[in-house]
């Protein structure tokens, strides 16, 4: 029997791509939710009244909506006893803690980015950071997205920062970050991790990790040209979750890299 997949925010740009990829994967599109009372014409599945109804109709739900909804959606997954794929970025520490708490009761895949290439870059970034001493190599992360993106730095940029910190045997919080430089900021802090966020046009997503030393510079870059790559990865994660025990997973687990 095909897996029934529900889409939170099915009327949005990502929601519609997710719906197409669910069908392409041979799964059943169980339905979706949408924000507000906007028109539902042209949607490929029934619009259900709330997230609880969506979980009741689905074997797994995919959520790319908004950080403000993440805690409630994770709690709904735990209450329903159904898996969740969460691709929303910009979660606070408290919201991430709520997702982790829900994962004690149901399996959840929570990832900053569902593109396979990005997750390979994250793995490489950690290894590079372990090999390049922070006292000699400054780490800077530059990202650019479309003008509508509301959070900065992006979730993927933060994930890159965390990968660098892990490679250096520390955490992003302990290493310290630098971003939004303006005016006389003083010299760059040794061992800190820098972020620069660019916004404009309709750029899907570009991320570059730079390791800059006095004698050389290394750049690791990933560019997304089509949002469909995120939808394809999220559906892959939804199918992978079937039969899993409760726990918090990311795309490394889905791709067999962990």
Foldseek 3Di string as FASTA:
>chain_A
DAFEEEEEALVDPLNVLLVVLCVVVVHHDQEYAHPDDDDPPPRPYHHDDDLLVRLVRGQEYEYQDELVCQLVNLVSCLVSLHEYEYAHKDHDPVSVVSNQVSLLRAAYAYELFLFPVLVVLLQVLLQVLLVDDLQFWAKEKEKEAEQPDDDPPGSSSLSSLQSSQVSVVHGLVVQAEDEDDDDCPDDDDGSHYYYYYHYHHGFHMKMWMWIDGPVDIDIDIDGDDDCSSRSNSSSLVSVVRPPDGRGYHYVCVSVVND
